[in-house]
């Protein structure tokens, strides 16, 4: 009988798929295995040991439950359904298996404790969610308990939220305020154990993560007003106030673990004023970008203000409790008749008026680049600026690294421009130089990197490194997602090609967004006052 149930489910699913049109046919082999498999297990408080399973998961056609108490036949449950089982007192390991229409499965084991003792040693934590306003997370655990109910105390809401013992139950209130939260911990016993607390539900009023990191751009393709990625227009006043203090409006520079951002409080209207006599011509730019975070504003109105003919606004909606990235076409201002060749102020207006606060970061104008620093790189472009950053001098500062005229136009490399990395006397064994790319490396073009190298000696180790510049930083401030491969020079004072096979490094993944190239000449050897030259960094298979 159990096999018939399973086969019937597959037939029904197959019939559903067969009703699709020819153009809508689904390749079942491409369907992934189910994810997030679990089950809410509840027990009746009547000393019978009756446990109800409510299986949960994503991408599931049918659940199979093995009770773990020696029962031979499993239960088959459709999504959204439940099944009951009578246990004797004890602790069991149930198996919840989610299946897809193509037969793929995912299994999750779950402990089921059936005790006719009432829960003991109940421990409850109640916390406001750090990311979502008015959301409260409750976690309760007790000896002998199987699950618990939470009554969050909001008027008109009588049904509890249930969770397995030791797991989290969450609830989002309509309004912030003070509520009485009651937790009822339950076992198979008739008697339950309760905990009650008067709790203040709050609004999240500041970001807990940084705004998205802007992409690498050429200096000619961006005019930055505020942010740490690009060079900002000097002397800007970020709180001219314009008489808004009377509205209760104010300003601060918020510091989130070293990442600074503008914070306009009770925003009526505030803004940015360039230094006296300073204007910027943004007619050659295509967009104004800003990243905005708010807990309580619905919209932000942004105006560019021209010395010639006043100001024009553009309104954008905001999503609460997360960063909203805004890109406004410059044409949205010029189409209203605004002259954008002499912008000297930007103005921000909140909706509702003086009713909430915003955090703003990465204010800049930009345009689509005419050319990008991306692999392959030959340093011959007359429009790109190859900004190599050297590091590892004897004082841990920068070592010289720059694009120069090819000092040895012979052999395999007769190009005009190359990059020179010096390793002065006393430089660290790990001295080198890095170059930010304007786009991530596309590994469909190959996972090997070839570099033309000119070394003053045979046997010098050349370390090639590429990293994801936006990945979390280690204790020294270096990105933690990277790949390193070494090569060795075989000739001196002449050009040769060294190949770095990235797949030989265990940390390599083609899915990572590597966007920085780093070269370490004569790696693991201290500086002796020599220079190394590199050119034609390109991919191959």
Protein backbone atom coordinates (compact mmCIF):
# COMPACT_ATOMS: atom_id res chain seq x y z
CA UNK A 1 0.00 0.00 0.00
CA UNK A 2 2.79 2.44 0.87
CA UNK A 3 4.37 1.94 -2.58
CA UNK A 4 1.04 2.63 -4.24
CA UNK A 5 0.79 5.96 -2.38
CA UNK A 6 4.20 7.06 -3.58
CA UNK A 7 3.62 5.98 -7.19
CA UNK A 8 0.24 7.71 -7.24
CA UNK A 9 1.84 10.96 -6.11
CA UNK A 10 4.39 10.76 -8.91
CA UNK A 11 1.68 10.01 -11.48
CA UNK A 12 -0.33 13.04 -10.36
CA UNK A 13 2.74 15.24 -10.56
CA UNK A 14 3.57 13.84 -13.98
CA UNK A 15 0.04 14.59 -15.20
CA UNK A 16 0.39 18.16 -14.01
CA UNK A 17 3.61 18.58 -15.96
CA UNK A 18 2.08 16.89 -19.01
CA UNK A 19 -0.60 19.57 -19.16
CA UNK A 20 2.00 22.18 -20.00
CA UNK A 21 2.34 23.37 -23.56
CA UNK A 22 5.28 22.16 -25.62
CA UNK A 23 7.13 25.43 -25.01
CA UNK A 24 6.61 25.12 -21.25
CA UNK A 25 7.94 21.56 -20.89
CA UNK A 26 10.18 21.13 -17.88
CA UNK A 27 13.34 19.03 -17.91
CA UNK A 28 12.87 17.01 -14.71
CA UNK A 29 16.56 16.16 -14.58
CA UNK A 30 17.34 19.82 -13.89
CA UNK A 31 15.19 19.96 -10.74
CA UNK A 32 17.28 20.25 -7.57
CA UNK A 33 16.93 18.12 -4.48
CA UNK A 34 14.65 19.53 -1.73
CA UNK A 35 16.09 22.02 0.76
CA UNK A 36 15.40 23.21 4.33
CA UNK A 37 13.83 19.93 5.42
CA UNK A 38 12.49 19.85 9.01
CA UNK A 39 9.32 19.06 10.94
CA UNK A 40 7.41 20.82 13.68
CA UNK A 41 6.66 18.11 16.25
CA UNK A 42 3.91 18.69 18.79
CA UNK A 43 2.52 16.33 21.43
CA UNK A 44 -0.82 16.15 23.19
CA UNK A 45 -0.71 16.88 26.93
CA UNK A 46 -2.69 13.76 27.97
CA UNK A 47 -0.01 11.17 28.79
CA UNK A 48 -0.85 9.25 25.59
CA UNK A 49 2.38 10.01 23.74
CA UNK A 50 0.53 11.17 20.63
CA UNK A 51 2.96 13.22 18.49
CA UNK A 52 1.93 15.22 15.42
CA UNK A 53 4.46 15.80 12.63
CA UNK A 54 4.12 18.84 10.35
CA UNK A 55 6.94 18.41 7.81
CA UNK A 56 8.36 21.49 6.11
CA UNK A 57 10.73 22.11 3.21
CA UNK A 58 11.21 23.64 -0.22
CA UNK A 59 10.86 21.90 -3.58
CA UNK A 60 9.08 18.90 -2.05
CA UNK A 61 6.50 16.69 -3.78
CA UNK A 62 6.07 14.29 -0.88
CA UNK A 63 7.52 13.64 2.59
CA UNK A 64 8.46 10.26 4.00
CA UNK A 65 8.73 10.00 7.80
CA UNK A 66 10.44 7.19 9.66
CA UNK A 67 9.45 7.45 13.31
CA UNK A 68 12.63 5.99 14.80
CA UNK A 69 10.86 3.76 17.34
CA UNK A 70 11.05 0.48 15.48
CA UNK A 71 7.87 1.02 13.46
CA UNK A 72 8.47 -0.74 10.14
CA UNK A 73 6.25 1.23 7.77
CA UNK A 74 6.98 4.94 7.29
CA UNK A 75 4.36 7.63 6.83
CA UNK A 76 3.82 9.42 3.53
CA UNK A 77 2.72 13.04 3.87
CA UNK A 78 1.82 15.57 1.19
CA UNK A 79 3.10 19.17 1.49
CA UNK A 80 1.03 21.01 4.08
CA UNK A 81 -0.26 17.81 5.64
CA UNK A 82 0.33 16.25 9.05
CA UNK A 83 0.58 12.77 10.50
CA UNK A 84 0.13 11.46 14.07
CA UNK A 85 2.08 8.72 15.80
CA UNK A 86 1.84 7.19 19.28
CA UNK A 87 5.17 6.87 21.10
CA UNK A 88 6.11 5.24 24.33
CA UNK A 89 8.04 7.39 26.74
CA UNK A 90 11.59 7.86 25.48
CA UNK A 91 13.91 9.75 23.14
CA UNK A 92 13.81 8.87 19.45
CA UNK A 93 15.54 9.95 16.23
CA UNK A 94 13.02 10.46 13.46
CA UNK A 95 14.01 10.75 9.79
CA UNK A 96 12.20 13.26 7.60
CA UNK A 97 12.84 12.75 3.88
CA UNK A 98 11.71 15.22 1.25
CA UNK A 99 11.30 13.91 -2.30
CA UNK A 100 10.88 15.66 -5.64
CA UNK A 101 8.91 14.58 -8.67
CA UNK A 102 12.14 13.35 -10.29
CA UNK A 103 13.00 11.16 -7.30
CA UNK A 104 15.70 13.30 -5.71
CA UNK A 105 15.67 13.27 -1.93
CA UNK A 106 17.00 15.19 1.04
CA UNK A 107 16.98 13.72 4.54
CA UNK A 108 16.99 15.43 7.93
CA UNK A 109 17.21 13.65 11.29
CA UNK A 110 15.27 15.12 14.19
CA UNK A 111 15.13 14.22 17.86
CA UNK A 112 11.72 13.47 19.34
CA UNK A 113 11.54 13.36 23.12
CA UNK A 114 8.39 11.96 24.66
CA UNK A 115 8.26 12.38 28.39
CA UNK A 116 5.37 12.15 30.79
CA UNK A 117 7.23 14.52 33.06
CA UNK A 118 6.37 18.17 32.76
CA UNK A 119 9.15 20.40 31.35
CA UNK A 120 11.82 21.43 33.84
CA UNK A 121 14.59 24.04 33.90
CA UNK A 122 12.89 26.23 31.32
CA UNK A 123 15.27 28.83 29.84
CA UNK A 124 13.81 31.59 27.64
CA UNK A 125 15.51 34.38 25.70
CA UNK A 126 13.47 37.19 24.11
CA UNK A 127 15.22 39.65 21.79
CA UNK A 128 14.37 42.34 19.30
CA UNK A 129 15.57 41.38 15.84
CA UNK A 130 18.63 43.39 14.82
CA UNK A 131 17.60 43.66 11.19
CA UNK A 132 13.81 43.92 11.08
CA UNK A 133 11.79 46.54 12.93
CA UNK A 134 9.18 45.31 15.44
CA UNK A 135 10.25 41.69 14.96
CA UNK A 136 10.87 39.67 18.13
CA UNK A 137 12.72 36.36 18.34
CA UNK A 138 12.02 33.91 21.18
CA UNK A 139 14.05 30.84 22.00
CA UNK A 140 12.92 28.42 24.73
CA UNK A 141 14.44 25.16 25.90
CA UNK A 142 13.61 22.88 28.79
CA UNK A 143 14.38 19.38 29.98
CA UNK A 144 11.76 16.80 28.89
CA UNK A 145 10.09 19.34 26.54
CA UNK A 146 9.26 18.59 22.91
CA UNK A 147 7.95 21.99 21.78
CA UNK A 148 6.61 25.27 23.06
CA UNK A 149 3.94 27.86 22.22
CA UNK A 150 4.50 31.61 22.34
CA UNK A 151 1.63 34.03 22.90
CA UNK A 152 3.06 37.38 21.81
CA UNK A 153 0.35 39.48 23.45
CA UNK A 154 -0.74 41.63 20.52
CA UNK A 155 -4.40 42.66 20.71
CA UNK A 156 -6.64 40.62 18.41
CA UNK A 157 -4.08 37.86 17.90
CA UNK A 158 -4.93 34.82 20.01
CA UNK A 159 -3.15 32.01 18.15
CA UNK A 160 0.33 31.14 19.42
CA UNK A 161 3.47 30.62 17.37
CA UNK A 162 4.87 27.12 17.92
CA UNK A 163 8.46 25.94 17.68
CA UNK A 164 10.44 22.83 18.51
CA UNK A 165 12.21 22.83 21.86
CA UNK A 166 15.43 24.86 21.50
CA UNK A 167 14.49 26.44 18.16
CA UNK A 168 13.44 30.05 17.48
CA UNK A 169 9.88 31.36 17.21
CA UNK A 170 9.53 34.79 15.60
CA UNK A 171 6.76 37.35 15.33
CA UNK A 172 6.50 40.82 13.76
CA UNK A 173 4.23 43.30 15.53
CA UNK A 174 2.13 45.92 13.81
CA UNK A 175 3.40 48.59 16.20
CA UNK A 176 6.31 49.08 18.53
CA UNK A 177 5.44 49.20 22.22
CA UNK A 178 5.24 47.19 25.45
CA UNK A 179 3.72 43.69 25.30
CA UNK A 180 3.31 40.75 27.65
CA UNK A 181 4.87 37.66 26.09
CA UNK A 182 3.91 34.22 27.46
CA UNK A 183 5.87 31.05 26.69
CA UNK A 184 4.27 27.65 27.35
CA UNK A 185 6.71 24.74 27.24
CA UNK A 186 5.09 21.34 26.63
CA UNK A 187 5.96 17.67 26.92
CA UNK A 188 3.62 14.66 26.70
CA UNK A 189 2.60 15.33 30.29
CA UNK A 190 -0.65 17.05 31.14
CA UNK A 191 1.19 19.70 33.13
CA UNK A 192 3.00 22.43 31.21
CA UNK A 193 5.67 24.94 32.29
CA UNK A 194 5.25 28.65 31.62
CA UNK A 195 7.31 31.82 31.46
CA UNK A 196 5.95 35.38 31.18
CA UNK A 197 7.79 38.62 30.51
CA UNK A 198 6.79 42.23 29.85
CA UNK A 199 8.88 43.18 26.83
CA UNK A 200 9.49 46.41 24.90
CA UNK A 201 9.28 45.94 21.13
CA UNK A 202 11.46 48.42 19.26
CA UNK A 203 12.01 49.82 15.80
CA UNK A 204 15.35 49.20 14.12
CA UNK A 205 16.66 52.74 13.68
CA UNK A 206 20.14 52.26 12.25
CA UNK A 207 21.80 49.98 9.72
CA UNK A 208 23.66 46.91 10.89
CA UNK A 209 25.49 46.32 7.59
CA UNK A 210 27.41 48.60 5.27
CA UNK A 211 26.05 49.80 1.95
CA UNK A 212 27.06 47.80 -1.13
CA UNK A 213 30.64 48.49 -2.18
CA UNK A 214 30.75 50.53 -5.41
CA UNK A 215 32.54 48.97 -8.39
CA UNK A 216 36.04 49.94 -9.46
CA UNK A 217 35.95 52.90 -11.85
CA UNK A 218 38.40 55.08 -13.71
CA UNK A 219 38.78 58.54 -12.16
CA UNK A 220 37.51 60.13 -15.38
CA UNK A 221 34.27 58.15 -15.16
CA UNK A 222 33.13 59.32 -11.72
CA UNK A 223 32.59 62.51 -9.70
CA UNK A 224 32.27 61.55 -6.06
CA UNK A 225 30.60 63.70 -3.40
CA UNK A 226 30.70 61.32 -0.42
CA UNK A 227 32.01 57.81 0.20
CA UNK A 228 35.23 55.89 0.75
CA UNK A 229 35.58 54.23 -2.65
CA UNK A 230 36.50 57.23 -4.82
CA UNK A 231 38.23 60.58 -4.35
CA UNK A 232 35.60 63.06 -3.14
CA UNK A 233 35.17 66.71 -4.11
CA UNK A 234 37.14 68.58 -1.45
CA UNK A 235 35.70 70.97 1.12
CA UNK A 236 32.08 69.84 0.96
CA UNK A 237 29.70 70.83 3.77
CA UNK A 238 27.34 67.96 4.55
CA UNK A 239 25.19 69.92 6.97
CA UNK A 240 24.50 73.46 5.74
CA UNK A 241 21.21 73.08 7.70
CA UNK A 242 19.40 75.83 5.78
CA UNK A 243 17.40 76.76 8.88
CA UNK A 244 15.89 73.31 9.46
CA UNK A 245 17.00 72.90 13.07
CA UNK A 246 13.68 74.43 14.05
CA UNK A 247 11.96 71.41 12.52
CA UNK A 248 13.90 69.19 14.90
CA UNK A 249 16.11 68.09 12.05
CA UNK A 250 19.78 67.36 12.69
CA UNK A 251 22.80 65.58 11.28
CA UNK A 252 25.60 63.25 12.33
CA UNK A 253 28.26 61.16 10.64
CA UNK A 254 27.43 57.61 11.69
CA UNK A 255 30.36 55.22 12.15
CA UNK A 256 29.54 51.53 11.58
CA UNK A 257 32.65 49.63 12.61
CA UNK A 258 34.87 52.09 10.79
CA UNK A 259 32.54 52.61 7.82
CA UNK A 260 31.23 56.18 7.92
CA UNK A 261 27.97 57.39 6.42
CA UNK A 262 25.76 60.48 6.55
CA UNK A 263 22.82 60.42 8.96
CA UNK A 264 20.05 62.99 8.54
CA UNK A 265 17.73 62.85 11.56
CA UNK A 266 14.04 63.80 11.32
CA UNK A 267 14.63 64.71 7.71
CA UNK A 268 12.57 67.68 6.59
CA UNK A 269 15.04 68.93 4.06
CA UNK A 270 18.80 68.88 4.38
CA UNK A 271 21.59 68.51 1.94
CA UNK A 272 25.09 69.01 0.68
CA UNK A 273 26.84 72.26 -0.22
CA UNK A 274 30.14 72.33 -2.10
CA UNK A 275 32.87 74.63 -0.87
CA UNK A 276 32.33 78.34 -1.58
CA UNK A 277 32.93 79.07 -5.23
CA UNK A 278 33.05 75.38 -6.15
CA UNK A 279 30.78 73.89 -8.79
CA UNK A 280 30.84 70.59 -10.63
CA UNK A 281 29.94 69.95 -14.24
CA UNK A 282 28.03 66.67 -14.40
CA UNK A 283 26.80 67.10 -17.96
CA UNK A 284 29.25 64.40 -19.06
CA UNK A 285 27.94 61.94 -16.46
CA UNK A 286 24.95 59.64 -16.96
CA UNK A 287 23.71 58.85 -13.43
CA UNK A 288 23.60 60.10 -9.86
CA UNK A 289 24.05 57.22 -7.42
CA UNK A 290 23.20 57.01 -3.70
CA UNK A 291 22.76 54.21 -1.20
CA UNK A 292 20.01 54.99 1.34
CA UNK A 293 18.94 53.16 4.51
CA UNK A 294 15.88 54.02 6.59
CA UNK A 295 13.56 52.46 9.11
CA UNK A 296 10.71 54.91 8.80
CA UNK A 297 10.78 57.02 5.64
CA UNK A 298 8.69 56.08 2.64
CA UNK A 299 10.40 58.23 0.03
CA UNK A 300 13.34 60.54 -0.51
CA UNK A 301 13.30 63.49 -2.86
CA UNK A 302 16.69 64.45 -4.31
CA UNK A 303 17.31 67.77 -6.01
CA UNK A 304 20.33 69.03 -7.92
CA UNK A 305 20.79 72.77 -7.47
CA UNK A 306 22.35 74.83 -10.24
CA UNK A 307 23.83 78.31 -9.88
CA UNK A 308 22.22 79.19 -13.20
CA UNK A 309 18.60 78.17 -12.87
CA UNK A 310 17.71 76.78 -9.46
CA UNK A 311 16.76 73.23 -8.58
CA UNK A 312 14.76 70.27 -9.87
CA UNK A 313 13.66 67.19 -7.83
CA UNK A 314 13.40 63.46 -8.44
CA UNK A 315 11.50 61.27 -5.95
CA UNK A 316 12.41 57.65 -5.20
CA UNK A 317 10.70 55.11 -2.92
CA UNK A 318 12.64 53.47 -0.09
CA UNK A 319 12.48 49.97 1.38
CA UNK A 320 12.54 49.94 5.17
CA UNK A 321 15.31 48.23 7.13
CA UNK A 322 17.60 47.62 4.18
CA UNK A 323 19.84 49.53 1.82
CA UNK A 324 18.12 50.98 -1.24
CA UNK A 325 20.52 51.62 -4.12
CA UNK A 326 19.32 54.57 -6.16
CA UNK A 327 20.54 55.44 -9.66
CA UNK A 328 18.91 58.58 -11.08
CA UNK A 329 19.61 59.42 -14.73
CA UNK A 330 21.08 62.90 -15.06
CA UNK A 331 18.56 63.30 -17.88
CA UNK A 332 15.78 63.16 -15.24
CA UNK A 333 17.03 66.59 -14.14
CA UNK A 334 17.93 68.06 -17.54
CA UNK A 335 14.54 67.02 -18.96
CA UNK A 336 13.02 69.43 -16.42
CA UNK A 337 15.13 72.26 -17.84
CA UNK A 338 17.92 72.17 -15.23
CA UNK A 339 21.42 73.22 -16.19
CA UNK A 340 23.84 70.63 -14.76
CA UNK A 341 27.14 72.25 -15.73
CA UNK A 342 27.35 74.27 -12.51
CA UNK A 343 25.90 72.17 -9.69
CA UNK A 344 26.86 73.49 -6.26
CA UNK A 345 24.31 71.89 -3.91
CA UNK A 346 22.24 68.72 -3.48
CA UNK A 347 19.05 68.69 -1.41
CA UNK A 348 17.28 65.75 0.27
CA UNK A 349 13.62 65.85 1.39
CA UNK A 350 11.97 63.12 3.46
CA UNK A 351 8.45 61.70 3.21
CA UNK A 352 6.81 62.00 5.68
CA UNK A 353 8.17 65.46 6.38
CA UNK A 354 10.45 65.52 9.44
CA UNK A 355 9.05 62.08 10.25
CA UNK A 356 12.07 59.84 10.02
CA UNK A 357 15.78 59.46 9.55
CA UNK A 358 18.01 58.33 6.71
CA UNK A 359 21.56 57.06 6.37
CA UNK A 360 23.20 57.92 3.05
CA UNK A 361 26.45 56.61 1.60
CA UNK A 362 28.23 56.50 -1.77
CA UNK A 363 26.94 59.72 -3.33
CA UNK A 364 28.54 60.04 -6.76
CA UNK A 365 27.91 60.77 -10.43
CA UNK A 366 29.15 58.27 -12.99
CA UNK A 367 29.10 57.31 -16.65
CA UNK A 368 29.55 54.12 -18.60
CA UNK A 369 33.29 53.65 -19.13
CA UNK A 370 34.69 53.86 -22.64
CA UNK A 371 37.25 51.20 -21.67
CA UNK A 372 37.80 48.89 -18.71
CA UNK A 373 40.80 47.56 -16.87
CA UNK A 374 40.12 43.87 -17.33
CA UNK A 375 41.97 40.79 -18.51
CA UNK A 376 43.81 40.70 -20.83
CA UNK A 377 45.97 43.68 -19.80
CA UNK A 378 48.82 44.99 -21.96
CA UNK A 379 49.23 48.53 -20.50
CA UNK A 380 49.10 50.10 -23.98
CA UNK A 381 45.86 52.07 -23.52
CA UNK A 382 46.15 55.87 -23.68
CA UNK A 383 42.81 56.41 -21.93
CA UNK A 384 43.07 54.03 -18.98
CA UNK A 385 45.00 54.79 -15.79
CA UNK A 386 46.72 51.69 -14.41
CA UNK A 387 46.96 52.58 -10.73
CA UNK A 388 49.29 49.97 -9.26
CA UNK A 389 49.59 50.08 -5.47
CA UNK A 390 52.88 48.86 -4.06
CA UNK A 391 53.25 47.47 -0.54
CA UNK A 392 55.87 45.89 1.71
CA UNK A 393 58.69 48.39 2.04
CA UNK A 394 61.07 48.06 4.97
CA UNK A 395 58.73 50.32 6.93
CA UNK A 396 55.64 48.40 5.69
CA UNK A 397 54.78 51.30 3.37
CA UNK A 398 54.51 51.32 -0.42
CA UNK A 399 57.23 50.13 -2.75
CA UNK A 400 57.50 51.80 -6.20
CA UNK A 401 55.20 50.28 -8.83
CA UNK A 402 54.13 51.99 -12.05
CA UNK A 403 53.67 51.65 -15.79
CA UNK A 404 56.89 52.55 -17.64
CA UNK A 405 58.44 52.30 -21.08
CA UNK A 406 59.58 48.76 -21.87
CA UNK A 407 63.33 48.74 -21.01
CA UNK A 408 64.03 45.66 -23.16
CA UNK A 409 61.99 45.57 -26.35
CA UNK A 410 63.28 42.23 -27.55
CA UNK A 411 62.47 38.56 -27.81
CA UNK A 412 58.87 37.71 -26.99
CA UNK A 413 57.95 41.20 -25.82
CA UNK A 414 58.45 44.25 -28.04
CA UNK A 415 55.47 46.21 -26.61
CA UNK A 416 55.85 49.84 -25.60
CA UNK A 417 54.55 49.81 -22.02
CA UNK A 418 55.08 47.42 -19.09
CA UNK A 419 54.65 47.59 -15.32
CA UNK A 420 57.77 47.99 -13.19
CA UNK A 421 57.77 46.72 -9.58
CA UNK A 422 60.83 47.62 -7.55
CA UNK A 423 62.01 45.63 -4.57
CA UNK A 424 64.25 48.07 -2.68
CA UNK A 425 66.87 46.98 -0.19
CA UNK A 426 65.19 45.97 3.04
CA UNK A 427 61.77 45.42 1.44
CA UNK A 428 59.66 42.69 3.03
CA UNK A 429 59.78 39.16 1.65
CA UNK A 430 56.10 39.62 0.74
CA UNK A 431 56.54 42.99 -1.02
CA UNK A 432 54.55 43.43 -4.21
CA UNK A 433 51.93 45.50 -5.98
CA UNK A 434 48.21 45.23 -6.74
CA UNK A 435 45.91 46.50 -9.48
CA UNK A 436 42.13 46.78 -9.17
CA UNK A 437 40.17 45.52 -12.15
CA UNK A 438 37.07 47.31 -13.40
CA UNK A 439 35.24 44.00 -13.89
CA UNK A 440 35.54 40.56 -12.38
CA UNK A 441 37.58 37.89 -14.14
CA UNK A 442 35.52 35.85 -16.61
CA UNK A 443 36.75 32.27 -16.28
CA UNK A 444 34.95 31.12 -19.40
CA UNK A 445 38.03 32.59 -21.09
CA UNK A 446 40.33 30.24 -19.20
CA UNK A 447 41.50 29.34 -15.70
CA UNK A 448 45.21 29.77 -16.41
CA UNK A 449 46.88 33.17 -16.29
CA UNK A 450 49.96 33.84 -18.42
CA UNK A 451 52.25 36.73 -17.53
CA UNK A 452 55.28 38.05 -19.39
CA UNK A 453 58.06 38.42 -16.79
CA UNK A 454 61.48 40.09 -16.93
CA UNK A 455 63.63 39.09 -13.96
CA UNK A 456 67.20 40.08 -13.06
CA UNK A 457 67.91 36.53 -11.89
CA UNK A 458 67.16 32.87 -12.52
CA UNK A 459 65.13 31.02 -9.90
CA UNK A 460 63.11 33.96 -8.58
CA UNK A 461 59.70 32.92 -7.28
CA UNK A 462 56.87 34.96 -8.79
CA UNK A 463 53.62 34.75 -6.80
CA UNK A 464 50.42 35.58 -8.68
CA UNK A 465 47.41 36.36 -6.51
CA UNK A 466 43.86 37.39 -7.31
CA UNK A 467 41.26 38.25 -4.70
CA UNK A 468 37.70 39.44 -4.19
CA UNK A 469 38.23 42.98 -2.94
CA UNK A 470 34.79 43.14 -1.30
CA UNK A 471 35.10 39.90 0.69
CA UNK A 472 35.33 40.05 4.51
CA UNK A 473 38.68 41.29 5.81
CA UNK A 474 41.12 39.44 8.02
CA UNK A 475 42.91 40.93 11.03
CA UNK A 476 45.34 42.77 8.74
CA UNK A 477 42.58 44.27 6.59
CA UNK A 478 43.17 41.90 3.65
CA UNK A 479 40.30 40.22 1.76
CA UNK A 480 39.74 36.64 2.86
CA UNK A 481 38.60 35.29 -0.53
CA UNK A 482 41.65 34.87 -2.77
CA UNK A 483 43.76 32.41 -4.73
CA UNK A 484 47.57 32.24 -4.94
CA UNK A 485 49.77 30.36 -7.43
CA UNK A 486 53.56 30.43 -7.73
CA UNK A 487 55.90 30.25 -10.71
CA UNK A 488 59.70 30.40 -11.09
CA UNK A 489 61.86 32.37 -13.50
CA UNK A 490 64.15 30.27 -15.70
CA UNK A 491 66.12 33.03 -17.44
CA UNK A 492 67.68 36.33 -16.39
CA UNK A 493 67.55 39.77 -18.02
CA UNK A 494 65.18 38.64 -20.75
CA UNK A 495 61.44 38.21 -21.18
CA UNK A 496 59.72 34.87 -20.60
CA UNK A 497 56.13 33.67 -20.15
CA UNK A 498 55.16 32.16 -16.79
CA UNK A 499 51.85 30.29 -16.57
CA UNK A 500 49.84 30.23 -13.35
CA UNK A 501 47.19 27.48 -13.26
CA UNK A 502 44.59 28.74 -10.78
CA UNK A 503 42.91 25.34 -10.55
CA UNK A 504 45.98 23.97 -8.74
CA UNK A 505 45.01 26.05 -5.70
CA UNK A 506 42.44 24.42 -3.42
CA UNK A 507 40.89 27.82 -2.63
CA UNK A 508 40.07 28.57 -6.27
CA UNK A 509 36.44 28.80 -7.37
CA UNK A 510 35.33 30.10 -10.75
CA UNK A 511 32.14 31.31 -9.05
CA UNK A 512 34.06 33.92 -7.02
CA UNK A 513 34.12 37.52 -8.26
CA UNK A 514 37.88 38.03 -8.36
CA UNK A 515 38.54 41.68 -9.21
CA UNK A 516 42.11 42.39 -8.15
CA UNK A 517 45.48 41.24 -9.53
CA UNK A 518 48.54 41.13 -7.27
CA UNK A 519 52.15 40.33 -8.21
CA UNK A 520 54.90 39.42 -5.74
CA UNK A 521 58.40 39.50 -7.31
CA UNK A 522 61.11 37.29 -5.79
CA UNK A 523 58.59 36.09 -3.22
CA UNK A 524 59.92 34.96 0.18
CA UNK A 525 63.21 36.82 -0.39
CA UNK A 526 63.97 40.21 1.18
CA UNK A 527 64.53 43.21 -1.07
CA UNK A 528 68.00 43.71 -2.54
CA UNK A 529 67.45 46.83 -4.65
CA UNK A 530 66.31 45.09 -7.84
CA UNK A 531 63.50 45.73 -10.31
CA UNK A 532 61.11 43.32 -12.03
CA UNK A 533 58.96 43.98 -15.09
CA UNK A 534 55.61 42.43 -16.05
CA UNK A 535 53.40 42.62 -19.13
CA UNK A 536 50.58 40.94 -21.05
CA UNK A 537 48.53 39.47 -18.20
CA UNK A 538 46.05 37.23 -19.97
CA UNK A 539 44.01 34.05 -19.63
CA UNK A 540 44.31 30.73 -21.39
CA UNK A 541 42.82 27.25 -21.16
